[in-house]
Amino acid sequence: MSNPIMRQGPHSFPVKSGEQISRWQLVTLNDDGTVSKATAEGSVFGVAGTPGSGYERNYGEMYHGAPSIVPVHTAPATVRVSVDGKASDVKPGTVLYAAAQGKVTATKGSTPAVAIAVEQGARRDVVVRLLTPTIVES
C-alpha cells in the first residue's frame, strides 16, 4: 500500500548561503535544494513567507537574526508579494510577472505570468493568487 504525500501550506527550504530574502519576495529553487531571490529572467518557484538569511552555521553555534530556513508558498495559494513600482497601480485581475529583486510587475517580461492580483495594492505589496511554479527553459 502506498502512502501519498499530501501537504497544504508552505514548504520549508534553506536560504542559499550569502543570500538575503525579504518577506513576500518571489524565490527560485536551486539545484542544491536552497532558495534565492527570483529574477526577471529566471524561473519562479514561489513566495517566501518570512525573511531569511543564508549563513553557514556550525553545530552548537548561536545565531541572532533572520532564520536560515524560510516557508515558501506555491500555487494554489493567495499571498502578498512585493511590487516593483507603485502597488496602487495594480488593479484586481492584473496579470503579474517576475521583476528584479524577487518582486512582481505588470510589465510583461521574459518570465511567464506568476500571479493574478486579487486585491488592490495599498503599500508596497499586493495580494495575489499564485500561478507558480513557472519554469524558464534556457
N, C-alpha and C. Protein backbone atom coordinates (compact mmCIF):
# COMPACT_ATOMS: atom_id res chain seq x y z
N MET A 1 0.85 -1.17 0.00
CA MET A 1 0.00 0.00 0.00
C MET A 1 0.89 1.24 0.00
N SER A 2 0.58 2.16 -0.87
CA SER A 2 1.39 3.38 -0.93
C SER A 2 0.82 4.44 0.00
N ASN A 3 1.69 5.27 0.48
CA ASN A 3 1.28 6.39 1.31
C ASN A 3 1.62 7.68 0.58
N PRO A 4 0.62 8.29 -0.04
CA PRO A 4 0.90 9.52 -0.78
C PRO A 4 1.27 10.65 0.18
N ILE A 5 2.11 11.53 -0.31
CA ILE A 5 2.48 12.69 0.48
C ILE A 5 1.55 13.82 0.08
N MET A 6 0.70 14.21 0.98
CA MET A 6 -0.22 15.31 0.72
C MET A 6 0.09 16.42 1.71
N ARG A 7 0.20 17.61 1.19
CA ARG A 7 0.54 18.70 2.07
C ARG A 7 -0.09 19.98 1.57
N GLN A 8 -0.62 20.74 2.50
CA GLN A 8 -1.12 22.07 2.17
C GLN A 8 -0.33 23.06 2.98
N GLY A 9 -0.23 24.27 2.47
CA GLY A 9 0.55 25.27 3.17
C GLY A 9 1.95 25.33 2.63
N PRO A 10 2.79 26.15 3.23
CA PRO A 10 4.14 26.34 2.71
C PRO A 10 5.07 25.15 3.01
N HIS A 11 6.08 25.01 2.17
CA HIS A 11 7.16 24.05 2.40
C HIS A 11 8.36 24.83 2.88
N SER A 12 9.19 24.22 3.71
CA SER A 12 10.37 24.90 4.25
C SER A 12 11.61 24.59 3.43
N PHE A 13 12.39 25.63 3.13
CA PHE A 13 13.62 25.48 2.37
C PHE A 13 14.72 26.33 3.00
N PRO A 14 15.97 25.85 2.97
CA PRO A 14 17.08 26.69 3.44
C PRO A 14 17.38 27.79 2.42
N VAL A 15 17.85 28.92 2.92
CA VAL A 15 18.23 30.05 2.07
C VAL A 15 19.66 29.84 1.59
N LYS A 16 19.92 30.14 0.32
CA LYS A 16 21.26 29.98 -0.24
C LYS A 16 22.26 30.81 0.55
N SER A 17 23.44 30.25 0.78
CA SER A 17 24.48 30.91 1.57
C SER A 17 24.82 32.28 0.98
N GLY A 18 24.84 33.29 1.84
CA GLY A 18 25.16 34.64 1.43
C GLY A 18 23.99 35.44 0.88
N GLU A 19 22.84 34.82 0.78
CA GLU A 19 21.63 35.45 0.22
C GLU A 19 20.75 36.01 1.33
N GLN A 20 20.12 37.15 1.07
CA GLN A 20 19.15 37.75 1.98
C GLN A 20 17.80 37.76 1.27
N ILE A 21 16.78 37.20 1.91
CA ILE A 21 15.45 37.17 1.32
C ILE A 21 14.51 37.93 2.25
N SER A 22 13.71 38.80 1.66
CA SER A 22 12.71 39.55 2.42
C SER A 22 11.37 38.84 2.36
N ARG A 23 10.52 39.16 3.30
CA ARG A 23 9.17 38.62 3.30
C ARG A 23 8.45 39.06 2.04
N TRP A 24 7.65 38.17 1.45
CA TRP A 24 6.83 38.41 0.27
C TRP A 24 7.64 38.58 -1.00
N GLN A 25 8.84 38.01 -1.07
CA GLN A 25 9.63 38.06 -2.30
C GLN A 25 9.48 36.75 -3.07
N LEU A 26 9.49 36.85 -4.39
CA LEU A 26 9.50 35.66 -5.23
C LEU A 26 10.85 34.98 -5.07
N VAL A 27 10.83 33.65 -5.03
CA VAL A 27 12.07 32.90 -4.89
C VAL A 27 12.15 31.83 -5.96
N THR A 28 13.39 31.41 -6.24
CA THR A 28 13.64 30.31 -7.17
C THR A 28 14.26 29.17 -6.39
N LEU A 29 13.99 27.95 -6.79
CA LEU A 29 14.55 26.76 -6.14
C LEU A 29 15.81 26.35 -6.89
N ASN A 30 16.93 26.33 -6.19
CA ASN A 30 18.22 25.99 -6.80
C ASN A 30 18.43 24.47 -6.80
N ASP A 31 19.38 24.01 -7.61
CA ASP A 31 19.61 22.58 -7.72
C ASP A 31 20.20 21.95 -6.46
N ASP A 32 20.67 22.77 -5.51
CA ASP A 32 21.17 22.23 -4.24
C ASP A 32 20.11 22.21 -3.15
N GLY A 33 18.84 22.52 -3.53
CA GLY A 33 17.74 22.48 -2.57
C GLY A 33 17.55 23.75 -1.77
N THR A 34 18.31 24.79 -2.09
CA THR A 34 18.16 26.08 -1.40
C THR A 34 17.30 27.01 -2.25
N VAL A 35 16.83 28.10 -1.64
CA VAL A 35 16.09 29.11 -2.38
C VAL A 35 16.86 30.42 -2.38
N SER A 36 16.65 31.21 -3.44
CA SER A 36 17.24 32.54 -3.55
C SER A 36 16.23 33.43 -4.26
N LYS A 37 16.49 34.76 -4.25
CA LYS A 37 15.58 35.70 -4.90
C LYS A 37 15.43 35.37 -6.37
N ALA A 38 14.19 35.42 -6.85
CA ALA A 38 13.94 35.20 -8.27
C ALA A 38 14.32 36.45 -9.05
N THR A 39 14.60 36.28 -10.32
CA THR A 39 14.93 37.40 -11.20
C THR A 39 13.88 37.50 -12.29
N ALA A 40 13.96 38.58 -13.06
CA ALA A 40 13.02 38.78 -14.16
C ALA A 40 13.24 37.78 -15.28
N GLU A 41 14.41 37.16 -15.35
CA GLU A 41 14.73 36.24 -16.45
C GLU A 41 14.64 34.78 -16.07
N GLY A 42 14.59 34.46 -14.79
CA GLY A 42 14.66 33.06 -14.38
C GLY A 42 13.34 32.45 -13.97
N SER A 43 13.41 31.23 -13.52
CA SER A 43 12.24 30.50 -13.06
C SER A 43 11.80 31.03 -11.69
N VAL A 44 10.50 30.89 -11.40
CA VAL A 44 9.95 31.30 -10.11
C VAL A 44 9.31 30.07 -9.47
N PHE A 45 9.73 29.79 -8.24
CA PHE A 45 9.19 28.62 -7.53
C PHE A 45 8.03 28.99 -6.62
N GLY A 46 8.13 30.13 -5.93
CA GLY A 46 7.07 30.52 -5.01
C GLY A 46 7.38 31.85 -4.33
N VAL A 47 6.75 32.08 -3.17
CA VAL A 47 6.91 33.32 -2.43
C VAL A 47 7.34 33.00 -1.00
N ALA A 48 8.39 33.68 -0.53
CA ALA A 48 8.87 33.49 0.85
C ALA A 48 7.87 34.11 1.83
N GLY A 49 7.53 33.36 2.86
CA GLY A 49 6.58 33.84 3.86
C GLY A 49 7.20 34.64 4.98
N THR A 50 8.50 34.51 5.16
CA THR A 50 9.21 35.25 6.21
C THR A 50 10.57 35.67 5.66
N PRO A 51 11.23 36.65 6.31
CA PRO A 51 12.58 36.99 5.87
C PRO A 51 13.54 35.85 6.21
N GLY A 52 14.61 35.75 5.44
CA GLY A 52 15.59 34.71 5.70
C GLY A 52 16.98 35.15 5.30
N SER A 53 17.97 34.51 5.87
CA SER A 53 19.35 34.84 5.61
C SER A 53 20.16 33.55 5.52
N GLY A 54 20.84 33.37 4.40
CA GLY A 54 21.66 32.18 4.25
C GLY A 54 23.00 32.35 4.94
N TYR A 55 23.29 31.49 5.87
CA TYR A 55 24.56 31.56 6.59
C TYR A 55 25.01 30.16 6.93
N GLU A 56 26.29 29.99 7.02
CA GLU A 56 26.87 28.71 7.42
C GLU A 56 26.93 28.69 8.94
N ARG A 57 26.49 27.60 9.52
CA ARG A 57 26.45 27.52 10.98
C ARG A 57 27.03 26.19 11.42
N ASN A 58 27.88 26.24 12.40
CA ASN A 58 28.43 25.02 12.98
C ASN A 58 27.52 24.55 14.10
N TYR A 59 27.53 23.27 14.34
CA TYR A 59 26.68 22.70 15.38
C TYR A 59 26.96 23.38 16.72
N GLY A 60 25.90 23.81 17.39
CA GLY A 60 26.03 24.41 18.72
C GLY A 60 26.22 25.91 18.72
N GLU A 61 26.43 26.51 17.54
CA GLU A 61 26.60 27.96 17.48
C GLU A 61 25.27 28.67 17.62
N MET A 62 25.29 29.79 18.33
CA MET A 62 24.09 30.63 18.45
C MET A 62 24.13 31.65 17.33
N TYR A 63 22.98 31.97 16.78
CA TYR A 63 22.91 32.97 15.73
C TYR A 63 21.70 33.84 15.99
N HIS A 64 21.88 35.15 15.92
CA HIS A 64 20.78 36.08 16.10
C HIS A 64 20.54 36.78 14.78
N GLY A 65 19.30 36.81 14.34
CA GLY A 65 18.97 37.44 13.06
C GLY A 65 17.91 36.63 12.35
N ALA A 66 17.76 36.87 11.07
CA ALA A 66 16.76 36.16 10.28
C ALA A 66 17.11 34.67 10.22
N PRO A 67 16.09 33.81 10.20
CA PRO A 67 16.35 32.37 10.14
C PRO A 67 16.95 31.95 8.80
N SER A 68 17.62 30.82 8.80
CA SER A 68 18.23 30.33 7.56
C SER A 68 17.29 29.43 6.78
N ILE A 69 16.12 29.14 7.33
CA ILE A 69 15.11 28.32 6.66
C ILE A 69 13.83 29.14 6.59
N VAL A 70 13.23 29.22 5.39
CA VAL A 70 12.03 30.03 5.20
C VAL A 70 10.88 29.18 4.66
N PRO A 71 9.64 29.55 5.02
CA PRO A 71 8.49 28.89 4.41
C PRO A 71 8.26 29.47 3.02
N VAL A 72 8.00 28.60 2.04
CA VAL A 72 7.77 29.05 0.66
C VAL A 72 6.39 28.58 0.22
N HIS A 73 5.55 29.53 -0.16
CA HIS A 73 4.20 29.25 -0.65
C HIS A 73 4.25 29.05 -2.16
N THR A 74 3.58 28.02 -2.64
CA THR A 74 3.45 27.79 -4.07
C THR A 74 1.97 27.67 -4.40
N ALA A 75 1.63 27.62 -5.68
CA ALA A 75 0.23 27.52 -6.10
C ALA A 75 -0.35 26.18 -5.65
N PRO A 76 -1.58 26.09 -5.27
CA PRO A 76 -2.51 27.20 -5.18
C PRO A 76 -2.39 27.90 -3.82
N ALA A 77 -2.15 29.17 -3.83
CA ALA A 77 -2.06 29.94 -2.59
C ALA A 77 -2.38 31.40 -2.91
N THR A 78 -2.97 32.07 -1.95
CA THR A 78 -3.21 33.50 -2.05
C THR A 78 -2.34 34.16 -1.01
N VAL A 79 -1.37 34.98 -1.46
CA VAL A 79 -0.38 35.58 -0.57
C VAL A 79 -0.10 37.02 -1.01
N ARG A 80 0.66 37.72 -0.19
CA ARG A 80 1.14 39.05 -0.56
C ARG A 80 2.47 38.90 -1.29
N VAL A 81 2.73 39.81 -2.22
CA VAL A 81 4.03 39.87 -2.88
C VAL A 81 4.45 41.33 -2.98
N SER A 82 5.76 41.56 -2.99
CA SER A 82 6.31 42.90 -3.14
C SER A 82 6.20 43.33 -4.60
N VAL A 83 5.86 44.60 -4.80
CA VAL A 83 5.66 45.13 -6.15
C VAL A 83 6.83 46.03 -6.54
N ASP A 84 7.29 45.88 -7.78
CA ASP A 84 8.30 46.77 -8.35
C ASP A 84 7.55 47.97 -8.91
N GLY A 85 7.56 49.08 -8.21
CA GLY A 85 6.79 50.26 -8.61
C GLY A 85 5.74 50.55 -7.57
N LYS A 86 4.62 51.12 -7.99
CA LYS A 86 3.55 51.51 -7.07
C LYS A 86 2.50 50.41 -7.00
N ALA A 87 2.25 49.90 -5.81
CA ALA A 87 1.25 48.86 -5.64
C ALA A 87 -0.15 49.37 -5.96
N SER A 88 -0.38 50.67 -5.79
CA SER A 88 -1.71 51.23 -6.05
C SER A 88 -2.06 51.18 -7.55
N ASP A 89 -1.06 51.00 -8.41
CA ASP A 89 -1.31 50.87 -9.85
C ASP A 89 -1.77 49.47 -10.25
N VAL A 90 -1.63 48.51 -9.34
CA VAL A 90 -2.02 47.13 -9.64
C VAL A 90 -3.48 46.92 -9.24
N LYS A 91 -4.31 46.70 -10.24
CA LYS A 91 -5.76 46.52 -10.03
C LYS A 91 -6.09 45.03 -9.99
N PRO A 92 -7.21 44.65 -9.35
CA PRO A 92 -7.62 43.25 -9.35
C PRO A 92 -7.74 42.72 -10.79
N GLY A 93 -7.27 41.52 -11.02
CA GLY A 93 -7.30 40.91 -12.34
C GLY A 93 -6.05 41.15 -13.16
N THR A 94 -5.14 42.00 -12.67
CA THR A 94 -3.90 42.27 -13.39
C THR A 94 -3.01 41.04 -13.37
N VAL A 95 -2.49 40.66 -14.54
CA VAL A 95 -1.55 39.55 -14.64
C VAL A 95 -0.17 40.11 -14.28
N LEU A 96 0.53 39.42 -13.39
CA LEU A 96 1.82 39.90 -12.90
C LEU A 96 2.95 38.97 -13.32
N TYR A 97 4.13 39.57 -13.52
CA TYR A 97 5.32 38.85 -13.96
C TYR A 97 6.45 39.09 -12.98
N ALA A 98 7.45 38.24 -13.02
CA ALA A 98 8.61 38.42 -12.14
C ALA A 98 9.41 39.64 -12.56
N ALA A 99 9.91 40.37 -11.56
CA ALA A 99 10.77 41.53 -11.79
C ALA A 99 12.06 41.31 -11.01
N ALA A 100 12.95 42.27 -11.05
CA ALA A 100 14.22 42.17 -10.33
C ALA A 100 13.99 42.13 -8.82
N GLN A 101 14.93 41.56 -8.11
CA GLN A 101 14.93 41.50 -6.64
C GLN A 101 13.74 40.76 -6.06
N GLY A 102 13.19 39.80 -6.79
CA GLY A 102 12.12 38.97 -6.25
C GLY A 102 10.78 39.68 -6.15
N LYS A 103 10.59 40.74 -6.91
CA LYS A 103 9.32 41.48 -6.88
C LYS A 103 8.50 41.13 -8.11
N VAL A 104 7.25 41.66 -8.17
CA VAL A 104 6.39 41.44 -9.33
C VAL A 104 6.14 42.77 -10.03
N THR A 105 5.77 42.67 -11.31
CA THR A 105 5.45 43.85 -12.11
C THR A 105 4.34 43.49 -13.09
N ALA A 106 3.59 44.50 -13.52
CA ALA A 106 2.55 44.28 -14.53
C ALA A 106 3.13 44.32 -15.93
N THR A 107 4.40 44.70 -16.06
CA THR A 107 5.06 44.76 -17.36
C THR A 107 5.49 43.36 -17.78
N LYS A 108 5.01 42.93 -18.93
CA LYS A 108 5.35 41.59 -19.41
C LYS A 108 6.83 41.48 -19.70
N GLY A 109 7.45 40.45 -19.18
CA GLY A 109 8.88 40.23 -19.41
C GLY A 109 9.12 38.86 -19.99
N SER A 110 10.30 38.33 -19.76
CA SER A 110 10.64 37.02 -20.31
C SER A 110 10.14 35.87 -19.44
N THR A 111 9.72 36.17 -18.21
CA THR A 111 9.20 35.14 -17.33
C THR A 111 7.70 34.98 -17.57
N PRO A 112 7.18 33.75 -17.60
CA PRO A 112 5.73 33.56 -17.72
C PRO A 112 5.01 34.21 -16.53
N ALA A 113 3.73 34.45 -16.67
CA ALA A 113 2.94 35.04 -15.60
C ALA A 113 3.11 34.23 -14.31
N VAL A 114 3.29 34.92 -13.19
CA VAL A 114 3.49 34.24 -11.92
C VAL A 114 2.31 34.38 -10.98
N ALA A 115 1.43 35.38 -11.23
CA ALA A 115 0.31 35.60 -10.31
C ALA A 115 -0.75 36.48 -10.96
N ILE A 116 -1.92 36.48 -10.35
CA ILE A 116 -3.01 37.36 -10.75
C ILE A 116 -3.43 38.12 -9.50
N ALA A 117 -3.46 39.45 -9.59
CA ALA A 117 -3.83 40.28 -8.43
C ALA A 117 -5.30 40.05 -8.09
N VAL A 118 -5.59 39.91 -6.80
CA VAL A 118 -6.97 39.73 -6.36
C VAL A 118 -7.43 40.87 -5.45
N GLU A 119 -6.51 41.74 -5.09
CA GLU A 119 -6.83 42.85 -4.21
C GLU A 119 -5.95 44.03 -4.60
N GLN A 120 -6.51 45.22 -4.61
CA GLN A 120 -5.71 46.40 -4.97
C GLN A 120 -4.62 46.63 -3.95
N GLY A 121 -3.45 47.00 -4.43
CA GLY A 121 -2.33 47.28 -3.54
C GLY A 121 -2.53 48.58 -2.79
N ALA A 122 -1.99 48.64 -1.58
CA ALA A 122 -2.11 49.85 -0.78
C ALA A 122 -0.74 50.39 -0.41
N ARG A 123 0.18 49.49 -0.07
CA ARG A 123 1.51 49.91 0.36
C ARG A 123 2.51 49.58 -0.74
N ARG A 124 3.42 48.70 -0.46
CA ARG A 124 4.38 48.27 -1.47
C ARG A 124 4.16 46.81 -1.84
N ASP A 125 3.02 46.29 -1.44
CA ASP A 125 2.73 44.89 -1.75
C ASP A 125 1.29 44.77 -2.22
N VAL A 126 0.97 43.63 -2.80
CA VAL A 126 -0.36 43.37 -3.32
C VAL A 126 -0.71 41.91 -3.04
N VAL A 127 -1.99 41.62 -2.82
CA VAL A 127 -2.44 40.25 -2.59
C VAL A 127 -2.70 39.59 -3.94
N VAL A 128 -2.12 38.40 -4.13
CA VAL A 128 -2.22 37.72 -5.42
C VAL A 128 -2.60 36.24 -5.25
N ARG A 129 -3.08 35.67 -6.33
CA ARG A 129 -3.27 34.22 -6.44
C ARG A 129 -2.10 33.71 -7.26
N LEU A 130 -1.29 32.85 -6.67
CA LEU A 130 -0.09 32.35 -7.34
C LEU A 130 -0.40 31.38 -8.47
N LEU A 131 0.37 31.48 -9.53
CA LEU A 131 0.32 30.56 -10.66
C LEU A 131 1.62 29.76 -10.72
N THR A 132 2.47 29.92 -9.72
CA THR A 132 3.80 29.30 -9.70
C THR A 132 3.69 27.83 -9.33
N PRO A 133 4.72 27.03 -9.57
CA PRO A 133 5.99 27.42 -10.16
C PRO A 133 5.89 27.66 -11.66
N THR A 134 6.74 28.57 -12.15
CA THR A 134 6.88 28.82 -13.58
C THR A 134 8.33 28.51 -13.95
N ILE A 135 8.49 27.80 -15.02
CA ILE A 135 9.82 27.34 -15.41
C ILE A 135 10.24 28.04 -16.70
N VAL A 136 11.44 28.58 -16.69
CA VAL A 136 12.02 29.20 -17.88
C VAL A 136 13.10 28.26 -18.39
N GLU A 137 12.90 27.75 -19.59
CA GLU A 137 13.90 26.86 -20.20
C GLU A 137 14.99 27.70 -20.82
N SER A 138 16.24 27.30 -20.61
CA SER A 138 17.32 28.07 -21.21
C SER A 138 17.93 27.36 -22.39
